[in-house]
C-alpha atoms as a PDB file:
ATOM      1  CA  MET A   1      22.891  77.245   9.817  1.00  0.00           C
ATOM      2  CA  GLU A   2      20.935  73.638   8.702  1.00  0.00           C
ATOM      3  CA  THR A   3      21.960  70.485  11.157  1.00  0.00           C
ATOM      4  CA  ALA A   4      21.469  67.947   8.951  1.00  0.00           C
ATOM      5  CA  VAL A   5      18.766  65.236   9.859  1.00  0.00           C
ATOM      6  CA  THR A   6      20.724  61.739  10.560  1.00  0.00           C
ATOM      7  CA  THR A   7      17.995  58.465   9.885  1.00  0.00           C
ATOM      8  CA  TYR A   8      18.784  56.110  12.336  1.00  0.00           C
ATOM      9  CA  GLN A   9      20.037  52.498  10.662  1.00  0.00           C
ATOM     10  CA  PRO A  10      18.938  49.279  12.095  1.00  0.00           C
ATOM     11  CA  LYS A  11      21.773  46.802  11.730  1.00  0.00           C
ATOM     12  CA  PRO A  12      20.366  43.247  11.045  1.00  0.00           C
ATOM     13  CA  LEU A  13      20.330  40.891  13.393  1.00  0.00           C
ATOM     14  CA  PRO A  14      22.746  38.375  12.771  1.00  0.00           C
ATOM     15  CA  VAL A  15      21.522  34.766  11.205  1.00  0.00           C
ATOM     16  CA  GLN A  16      22.923  33.348  14.806  1.00  0.00           C
ATOM     17  CA  ALA A  17      20.459  35.491  16.544  1.00  0.00           C
ATOM     18  CA  VAL A  18      17.531  33.636  14.877  1.00  0.00           C
ATOM     19  CA  GLN A  19      18.226  30.500  16.570  1.00  0.00           C
ATOM     20  CA  PRO A  20      17.370  30.314  20.418  1.00  0.00           C
ATOM     21  CA  THR A  21      20.409  30.546  22.699  1.00  0.00           C
ATOM     22  CA  GLN A  22      21.090  27.627  25.435  1.00  0.00           C
ATOM     23  CA  GLN A  23      19.946  30.394  27.216  1.00  0.00           C
ATOM     24  CA  ASP A  24      16.694  31.573  25.597  1.00  0.00           C
ATOM     25  CA  LYS A  25      15.955  27.798  25.581  1.00  0.00           C
ATOM     26  CA  GLU A  26      15.977  27.010  29.653  1.00  0.00           C
ATOM     27  CA  THR A  27      12.790  30.206  29.928  1.00  0.00           C
ATOM     28  CA  TRP A  28      11.021  28.540  27.936  1.00  0.00           C
ATOM     29  CA  THR A  29       7.498  27.251  28.437  1.00  0.00           C
ATOM     30  CA  LEU A  30       6.121  24.235  27.738  1.00  0.00           C
ATOM     31  CA  LYS A  31       3.939  25.098  24.692  1.00  0.00           C
ATOM     32  CA  GLU A  32       7.158  27.479  23.368  1.00  0.00           C
ATOM     33  CA  LYS A  33       9.577  24.245  23.091  1.00  0.00           C
ATOM     34  CA  ILE A  34       6.371  21.812  21.754  1.00  0.00           C
ATOM     35  CA  LEU A  35       5.818  24.890  19.327  1.00  0.00           C
ATOM     36  CA  PHE A  36       9.537  24.849  17.951  1.00  0.00           C
ATOM     37  CA  SER A  37      10.643  20.787  17.659  1.00  0.00           C
ATOM     38  CA  LEU A  38       6.655  20.483  15.595  1.00  0.00           C
ATOM     39  CA  LEU A  39       8.333  23.210  13.217  1.00  0.00           C
ATOM     40  CA  GLY A  40      11.768  21.304  12.624  1.00  0.00           C
ATOM     41  CA  VAL A  41       9.205  18.174  12.383  1.00  0.00           C
ATOM     42  CA  VAL A  42       7.016  20.043   9.623  1.00  0.00           C
ATOM     43  CA  VAL A  43      10.219  21.302   7.786  1.00  0.00           C
ATOM     44  CA  VAL A  44      11.822  17.671   7.102  1.00  0.00           C
ATOM     45  CA  GLY A  45       8.383  16.093   6.765  1.00  0.00           C
ATOM     46  CA  GLY A  46       8.161  18.158   3.994  1.00  0.00           C
ATOM     47  CA  THR A  47      11.581  18.155   2.763  1.00  0.00           C
ATOM     48  CA  ILE A  48      10.970  13.864   2.916  1.00  0.00           C
ATOM     49  CA  TYR A  49       7.146  14.727   0.679  1.00  0.00           C
ATOM     50  CA  ILE A  50       8.825  16.313  -1.815  1.00  0.00           C
ATOM     51  CA  GLY A  51      11.886  14.597  -2.599  1.00  0.00           C
ATOM     52  CA  ARG A  52       9.802  11.372  -2.191  1.00  0.00           C
ATOM     53  CA  LYS A  53       7.112  12.875  -5.267  1.00  0.00           C
ATOM     54  CA  ILE A  54      10.429  13.611  -7.007  1.00  0.00           C
ATOM     55  CA  ILE A  55      12.376  10.664  -7.263  1.00  0.00           C
ATOM     56  CA  LEU A  56       8.526   9.191  -7.428  1.00  0.00           C
ATOM     57  CA  ASN A  57       8.289  11.040 -10.455  1.00  0.00           C
ATOM     58  CA  LYS A  58      11.017  10.281 -12.042  1.00  0.00           C
ATOM     59  CA  ILE A  59       9.908   6.729 -11.581  1.00  0.00           C
ATOM     60  CA  ALA A  60       7.023   7.178 -13.494  1.00  0.00           C
ATOM     61  CA  ASN A  61       8.446   9.369 -15.910  1.00  0.00           C
ATOM     62  CA  LYS A  62      10.714   6.495 -16.949  1.00  0.00           C
ATOM     63  CA  GLU A  63       8.918   3.778 -17.109  1.00  0.00           C
ATOM     64  CA  GLU A  64       6.016   5.570 -18.703  1.00  0.00           C
ATOM     65  CA  ASN A  65       8.852   5.580 -22.332  1.00  0.00           C
ATOM     66  CA  LYS A  66       8.741   1.819 -21.932  1.00  0.00           C
ATOM     67  CA  SER A  67       4.497   1.743 -22.401  1.00  0.00           C
ATOM     68  CA  PHE A  68       5.265   2.899 -26.004  1.00  0.00           C
ATOM     69  CA  GLU A  69       7.244   0.073 -26.642  1.00  0.00           C
ATOM     70  CA  ASP A  70       4.294  -2.808 -27.773  1.00  0.00           C
ATOM     71  CA  GLY A  71       4.816  -6.070 -25.484  1.00  0.00           C
ATOM     72  CA  THR A  72       6.164  -4.496 -22.603  1.00  0.00           C
ATOM     73  CA  SER A  73       4.956  -5.085 -18.934  1.00  0.00           C
ATOM     74  CA  ALA A  74       4.612  -1.432 -19.051  1.00  0.00           C
ATOM     75  CA  THR A  75       2.014  -1.224 -21.787  1.00  0.00           C
ATOM     76  CA  SER A  76      -0.195  -3.758 -20.110  1.00  0.00           C
ATOM     77  CA  ALA A  77       0.348  -1.757 -17.173  1.00  0.00           C
ATOM     78  CA  LYS A  78      -0.798   1.281 -18.814  1.00  0.00           C
ATOM     79  CA  GLN A  79      -3.452  -0.172 -20.954  1.00  0.00           C
ATOM     80  CA  ILE A  80      -5.157  -1.488 -17.496  1.00  0.00           C
ATOM     81  CA  LYS A  81      -5.094   1.933 -16.635  1.00  0.00           C
ATOM     82  CA  MET A  82      -6.969   2.841 -19.387  1.00  0.00           C
ATOM     83  CA  ALA A  83      -9.566  -0.128 -19.036  1.00  0.00           C
ATOM     84  CA  PHE A  84      -9.771   1.538 -15.190  1.00  0.00           C
ATOM     85  CA  GLU A  85     -10.647   5.240 -16.806  1.00  0.00           C
ATOM     86  CA  ASN A  86     -13.212   4.289 -20.144  1.00  0.00           C
ATOM     87  CA  ASP A  87     -12.155   7.290 -21.161  1.00  0.00           C
ATOM     88  CA  GLY A  88     -13.875   9.202 -19.054  1.00  0.00           C
ATOM     89  CA  TRP A  89     -17.142   7.330 -18.856  1.00  0.00           C
ATOM     90  CA  PRO A  90     -19.038   5.642 -15.407  1.00  0.00           C
ATOM     91  CA  GLY A  91     -17.446   1.746 -14.967  1.00  0.00           C
ATOM     92  CA  THR A  92     -14.326  -0.074 -16.500  1.00  0.00           C
ATOM     93  CA  ASP A  93     -13.670  -1.095 -19.678  1.00  0.00           C
ATOM     94  CA  THR A  94     -14.320  -4.769 -18.397  1.00  0.00           C
ATOM     95  CA  GLU A  95     -13.527  -5.835 -22.715  1.00  0.00           C
ATOM     96  CA  ALA A  96     -10.536  -4.173 -22.811  1.00  0.00           C
ATOM     97  CA  LEU A  97      -9.380  -5.180 -19.337  1.00  0.00           C
ATOM     98  CA  ARG A  98      -9.791  -8.592 -20.445  1.00  0.00           C
ATOM     99  CA  ASP A  99      -8.312  -8.355 -23.848  1.00  0.00           C
ATOM    100  CA  THR A 100      -5.071  -7.267 -22.018  1.00  0.00           C
ATOM    101  CA  LEU A 101      -4.733  -9.520 -19.394  1.00  0.00           C
ATOM    102  CA  ARG A 102      -5.688 -12.336 -22.140  1.00  0.00           C
ATOM    103  CA  GLU A 103      -2.253 -11.345 -23.950  1.00  0.00           C
ATOM    104  CA  ILE A 104       0.083 -11.688 -20.854  1.00  0.00           C
ATOM    105  CA  PRO A 105       1.687 -14.573 -20.999  1.00  0.00           C
ATOM    106  CA  SER A 106       2.563 -15.765 -18.018  1.00  0.00           C
ATOM    107  CA  LYS A 107       2.096 -15.159 -13.894  1.00  0.00           C
ATOM    108  CA  GLU A 108       6.117 -14.417 -14.240  1.00  0.00           C
ATOM    109  CA  GLU A 109       5.234 -11.378 -17.171  1.00  0.00           C
ATOM    110  CA  PHE A 110       2.182 -10.187 -14.671  1.00  0.00           C
ATOM    111  CA  ALA A 111       3.989  -9.920 -11.990  1.00  0.00           C
ATOM    112  CA  LYS A 112       6.751  -7.462 -13.818  1.00  0.00           C
ATOM    113  CA  VAL A 113       3.076  -6.119 -14.850  1.00  0.00           C
ATOM    114  CA  VAL A 114       2.162  -5.337 -11.052  1.00  0.00           C
ATOM    115  CA  LYS A 115       5.186  -3.779 -10.418  1.00  0.00           C
ATOM    116  CA  SER A 116       5.091  -1.705 -13.623  1.00  0.00           C
ATOM    117  CA  TYR A 117       2.036  -0.361 -12.310  1.00  0.00           C
ATOM    118  CA  GLN A 118       2.909   1.025  -9.292  1.00  0.00           C
ATOM    119  CA  LYS A 119       5.851   2.082 -10.601  1.00  0.00           C
ATOM    120  CA  LEU A 120       3.628   4.238 -12.955  1.00  0.00           C
ATOM    121  CA  TYR A 121       0.705   5.285 -11.077  1.00  0.00           C
ATOM    122  CA  ASN A 122       1.944   4.928  -7.566  1.00  0.00           C
ATOM    123  CA  GLY A 123      -0.925   2.419  -6.951  1.00  0.00           C
ATOM    124  CA  ASN A 124      -1.208  -1.450  -5.997  1.00  0.00           C
ATOM    125  CA  LEU A 125      -3.139  -2.864  -9.323  1.00  0.00           C
ATOM    126  CA  ILE A 126      -4.976  -5.845  -7.577  1.00  0.00           C
ATOM    127  CA  LYS A 127      -6.407  -4.048  -5.204  1.00  0.00           C
ATOM    128  CA  ASP A 128      -6.974  -0.821  -7.937  1.00  0.00           C
ATOM    129  CA  MET A 129      -9.391  -3.892 -10.206  1.00  0.00           C
ATOM    130  CA  SER A 130     -11.023  -4.670  -6.808  1.00  0.00           C
ATOM    131  CA  ASP A 131     -12.937  -1.538  -6.029  1.00  0.00           C
ATOM    132  CA  GLU A 132     -13.318  -1.298  -9.481  1.00  0.00           C
ATOM    133  CA  LEU A 133     -15.162  -4.519 -10.376  1.00  0.00           C
ATOM    134  CA  GLN A 134     -18.040  -6.504  -9.641  1.00  0.00           C
ATOM    135  CA  THR A 135     -17.845  -9.845  -7.432  1.00  0.00           C
ATOM    136  CA  THR A 136     -18.330 -12.204 -10.943  1.00  0.00           C
ATOM    137  CA  GLU A 137     -15.854  -9.156 -12.455  1.00  0.00           C
ATOM    138  CA  TYR A 138     -13.381  -9.350 -10.456  1.00  0.00           C
ATOM    139  CA  ASN A 139     -13.544 -13.642 -10.403  1.00  0.00           C
ATOM    140  CA  GLU A 140     -13.411 -13.508 -14.237  1.00  0.00           C
ATOM    141  CA  MET A 141      -9.953 -11.322 -13.874  1.00  0.00           C
ATOM    142  CA  LEU A 142      -7.935 -13.310 -11.368  1.00  0.00           C
ATOM    143  CA  GLN A 143      -9.281 -16.582 -12.901  1.00  0.00           C
ATOM    144  CA  ILE A 144      -7.879 -15.371 -16.571  1.00  0.00           C
ATOM    145  CA  LEU A 145      -5.087 -15.378 -14.437  1.00  0.00           C
ATOM    146  CA  ALA A 146      -4.555 -18.462 -12.981  1.00  0.00           C
ATOM    147  CA  ALA A 147      -4.921 -20.523 -15.677  1.00  0.00           C
ATOM    148  CA  LYS A 148      -1.733 -18.924 -17.142  1.00  0.00           C
ATOM    149  CA  PRO A 149       1.429 -21.097 -16.766  1.00  0.00           C
ATOM    150  CA  GLU A 150       3.931 -19.986 -14.352  1.00  0.00           C
ATOM    151  CA  LYS A 151       6.797 -19.448 -16.952  1.00  0.00           C
ATOM    152  CA  LYS A 152       5.504 -17.576 -20.885  1.00  0.00           C
ATOM    153  CA  GLY A 153       5.988 -21.025 -23.416  1.00  0.00           C
ATOM    154  CA  GLN A 154       4.794 -23.473 -21.078  1.00  0.00           C
ATOM    155  CA  ALA A 155       1.707 -25.208 -20.817  1.00  0.00           C
ATOM    156  CA  PRO A 156      -1.315 -25.032 -19.451  1.00  0.00           C
ATOM    157  CA  SER A 157      -1.557 -26.615 -16.430  1.00  0.00           C
ATOM    158  CA  PRO A 158      -4.293 -28.925 -14.912  1.00  0.00           C
ATOM    159  CA  VAL A 159      -6.104 -26.129 -12.372  1.00  0.00           C
ATOM    160  CA  ALA A 160      -7.066 -24.488 -16.340  1.00  0.00           C
ATOM    161  CA  TYR A 161      -9.875 -26.407 -16.780  1.00  0.00           C
ATOM    162  CA  MET A 162     -10.678 -25.115 -12.720  1.00  0.00           C
ATOM    163  CA  ALA A 163     -10.486 -21.973 -13.964  1.00  0.00           C
ATOM    164  CA  TRP A 164     -12.318 -22.102 -17.025  1.00  0.00           C
ATOM    165  CA  ALA A 165     -15.203 -23.469 -14.953  1.00  0.00           C
ATOM    166  CA  LYS A 166     -14.942 -20.462 -12.245  1.00  0.00           C
ATOM    167  CA  ARG A 167     -15.172 -18.175 -15.754  1.00  0.00           C
ATOM    168  CA  MET A 168     -17.633 -20.020 -17.055  1.00  0.00           C
ATOM    169  CA  LYS A 169     -20.201 -19.935 -13.811  1.00  0.00           C
ATOM    170  CA  ALA A 170     -18.361 -16.518 -13.020  1.00  0.00           C
ATOM    171  CA  ALA A 171     -20.525 -14.950 -16.560  1.00  0.00           C
ATOM    172  CA  PHE A 172     -23.800 -16.368 -15.913  1.00  0.00           C
ATOM    173  CA  ASP A 173     -23.884 -14.603 -12.246  1.00  0.00           C
ATOM    174  CA  LYS A 174     -23.446 -11.498 -14.109  1.00  0.00           C
ATOM    175  CA  GLU A 175     -25.157  -8.591 -12.339  1.00  0.00           C
ATOM    176  CA  TYR A 176     -26.627  -5.753 -14.760  1.00  0.00           C
ATOM    177  CA  GLY A 177     -27.625  -3.086 -11.703  1.00  0.00           C
ATOM    178  CA  PHE A 178     -30.320  -4.744  -9.945  1.00  0.00           C
ATOM    179  CA  PHE A 179     -30.767  -7.735 -12.874  1.00  0.00           C
ATOM    180  CA  GLY A 180     -29.081 -10.882 -13.378  1.00  0.00           C
ATOM    181  CA  GLY A 181     -27.738 -11.488 -16.749  1.00  0.00           C
ATOM    182  CA  THR A 182     -25.323 -13.213 -18.549  1.00  0.00           C
ATOM    183  CA  ASP A 183     -21.796 -12.511 -20.209  1.00  0.00           C
ATOM    184  CA  ALA A 184     -22.070 -13.475 -23.476  1.00  0.00           C
ATOM    185  CA  GLU A 185     -17.846 -12.088 -24.342  1.00  0.00           C
ATOM    186  CA  ALA A 186     -17.064 -13.305 -21.329  1.00  0.00           C
ATOM    187  CA  ILE A 187     -18.015 -16.277 -22.299  1.00  0.00           C
ATOM    188  CA  ILE A 188     -16.886 -16.325 -26.060  1.00  0.00           C
ATOM    189  CA  ALA A 189     -14.034 -14.686 -24.444  1.00  0.00           C
ATOM    190  CA  VAL A 190     -13.539 -18.817 -23.011  1.00  0.00           C
ATOM    191  CA  PHE A 191     -14.619 -20.593 -25.255  1.00  0.00           C
ATOM    192  CA  ASN A 192     -11.569 -19.191 -27.397  1.00  0.00           C
ATOM    193  CA  GLU A 193      -9.227 -19.875 -24.772  1.00  0.00           C
ATOM    194  CA  ILE A 194     -10.548 -23.375 -25.006  1.00  0.00           C
ATOM    195  CA  PRO A 195      -7.813 -25.099 -27.727  1.00  0.00           C
ATOM    196  CA  THR A 196      -9.397 -28.535 -27.926  1.00  0.00           C
ATOM    197  CA  GLN A 197     -13.024 -30.712 -28.095  1.00  0.00           C
ATOM    198  CA  THR A 198     -11.339 -32.861 -25.555  1.00  0.00           C
ATOM    199  CA  ALA A 199     -10.282 -29.912 -23.089  1.00  0.00           C
ATOM    200  CA  PHE A 200     -13.885 -28.885 -23.435  1.00  0.00           C
ATOM    201  CA  VAL A 201     -16.061 -31.680 -21.796  1.00  0.00           C
ATOM    202  CA  LYS A 202     -12.904 -31.614 -19.226  1.00  0.00           C
ATOM    203  CA  VAL A 203     -13.830 -27.886 -18.339  1.00  0.00           C
ATOM    204  CA  ALA A 204     -17.359 -29.783 -18.155  1.00  0.00           C
ATOM    205  CA  VAL A 205     -16.487 -32.218 -15.846  1.00  0.00           C
ATOM    206  CA  GLU A 206     -15.169 -29.825 -13.542  1.00  0.00           C
ATOM    207  CA  TYR A 207     -17.923 -27.241 -13.403  1.00  0.00           C
ATOM    208  CA  LYS A 208     -20.453 -30.206 -12.321  1.00  0.00           C
ATOM    209  CA  ARG A 209     -17.639 -30.864  -9.996  1.00  0.00           C
ATOM    210  CA  LEU A 210     -17.785 -27.141  -8.297  1.00  0.00           C
ATOM    211  CA  TYR A 211     -21.556 -25.943  -8.700  1.00  0.00           C
ATOM    212  CA  GLY A 212     -22.921 -29.504  -9.261  1.00  0.00           C
ATOM    213  CA  THR A 213     -25.725 -28.830 -11.872  1.00  0.00           C
ATOM    214  CA  ASN A 214     -24.396 -29.409 -15.666  1.00  0.00           C
ATOM    215  CA  MET A 215     -22.240 -26.640 -17.437  1.00  0.00           C
ATOM    216  CA  LEU A 216     -24.208 -27.000 -20.904  1.00  0.00           C
ATOM    217  CA  GLU A 217     -27.580 -26.831 -19.488  1.00  0.00           C
ATOM    218  CA  ASP A 218     -26.882 -24.095 -17.834  1.00  0.00           C
ATOM    219  CA  MET A 219     -25.622 -22.360 -21.211  1.00  0.00           C
ATOM    220  CA  LYS A 220     -29.092 -23.438 -22.428  1.00  0.00           C
ATOM    221  CA  SER A 221     -31.155 -21.592 -19.402  1.00  0.00           C
ATOM    222  CA  GLU A 222     -28.622 -18.454 -19.884  1.00  0.00           C
ATOM    223  CA  SER A 223     -28.809 -18.071 -23.538  1.00  0.00           C
ATOM    224  CA  GLU A 224     -30.715 -16.270 -25.706  1.00  0.00           C
ATOM    225  CA  PHE A 225     -31.502 -15.450 -29.382  1.00  0.00           C
ATOM    226  CA  GLY A 226     -30.015 -18.716 -30.610  1.00  0.00           C
ATOM    227  CA  GLN A 227     -26.581 -18.192 -28.610  1.00  0.00           C
ATOM    228  CA  TYR A 228     -26.699 -21.240 -27.866  1.00  0.00           C
ATOM    229  CA  ASP A 229     -26.134 -22.360 -31.044  1.00  0.00           C
ATOM    230  CA  GLU A 230     -23.358 -20.152 -31.898  1.00  0.00           C
ATOM    231  CA  TRP A 231     -21.595 -20.277 -28.506  1.00  0.00           C
ATOM    232  CA  MET A 232     -20.818 -24.400 -29.184  1.00  0.00           C
ATOM    233  CA  LYS A 233     -19.905 -23.539 -33.529  1.00  0.00           C
ATOM    234  CA  ILE A 234     -17.416 -21.984 -31.413  1.00  0.00           C
ATOM    235  CA  ILE A 235     -16.412 -25.309 -29.706  1.00  0.00           C
ATOM    236  CA  THR A 236     -17.070 -27.721 -32.709  1.00  0.00           C
ATOM    237  CA  ALA A 237     -14.607 -25.705 -35.438  1.00  0.00           C
ATOM    238  CA  LYS A 238     -12.029 -26.920 -32.617  1.00  0.00           C
ATOM    239  CA  ARG A 239      -9.861 -30.413 -33.101  1.00  0.00           C
ATOM    240  CA  LYS A 240     -10.735 -33.345 -30.776  1.00  0.00           C
END
C-alpha cells in the first residue's frame, strides 16, 4: 500500500514580520541601524524627487502650449532657447537672440519671459545667457534690455542713450576666435533702434563720456568696404 507524500508548504510571513520589532532594533549593531536609517532616507528622497519631476513636467507642458501663441512670454522664452541650441550647430545664434530680445517691449515683459523660461526648462535665463555668449555679446544683450522702458508703451528713458553707446562699444570689441573684429549686425541693430538724428548725436556724446573717444572716428576705423557710408545712410534717413 502506497503512502501519500505530503509536500511541506511554508506559510507566508505576515507583513508585520517584515518590519523590525522593537526587540530586533535593540539587538541591532550600530552599522545595521545606520543602514536601515539610510534606506528610509533613500525611499523618501526618491519619492520626493519623482513627485517633483512630475510636477515640473506638468508645469513645462502647460507653458509649452502657450508658446504657440505669437507675442507671449512663453514664445519669447522658447525662441531664446532655440537661439542657444542653434539647430544643433556649435555656438549660439546671436542674431536670432538679438532679434528676440529687441521684440520684447519692456523690462516688465522681460521679467515674465524669465519666469516662463524657468517653467519651460527649469533653468535660469540670465545664467544660461552668460554661459552661452562671449563677454561682448552678453554685454550687448544686457544693454538691449537696459534701454527698454519699465512698462509697455512708455517712452525710452534717458538711460537708453548710454545703453546704445555701450552696445556700439561691444560691437567694436567683438572677437572671432583669437582675432578681433566688428559685429556689423549689432551696429545696424543699434542704428535701426535710434529714433532720430538728434538721438544719434546724444548717443555719440554718451559714447565720448564713457570711453573718451569719438564714436564716428571709431566707426570709420572699424568699418571696411564702404560699411561706414552704409551705416550713416540709416541715420541720415531718419527725421531730425
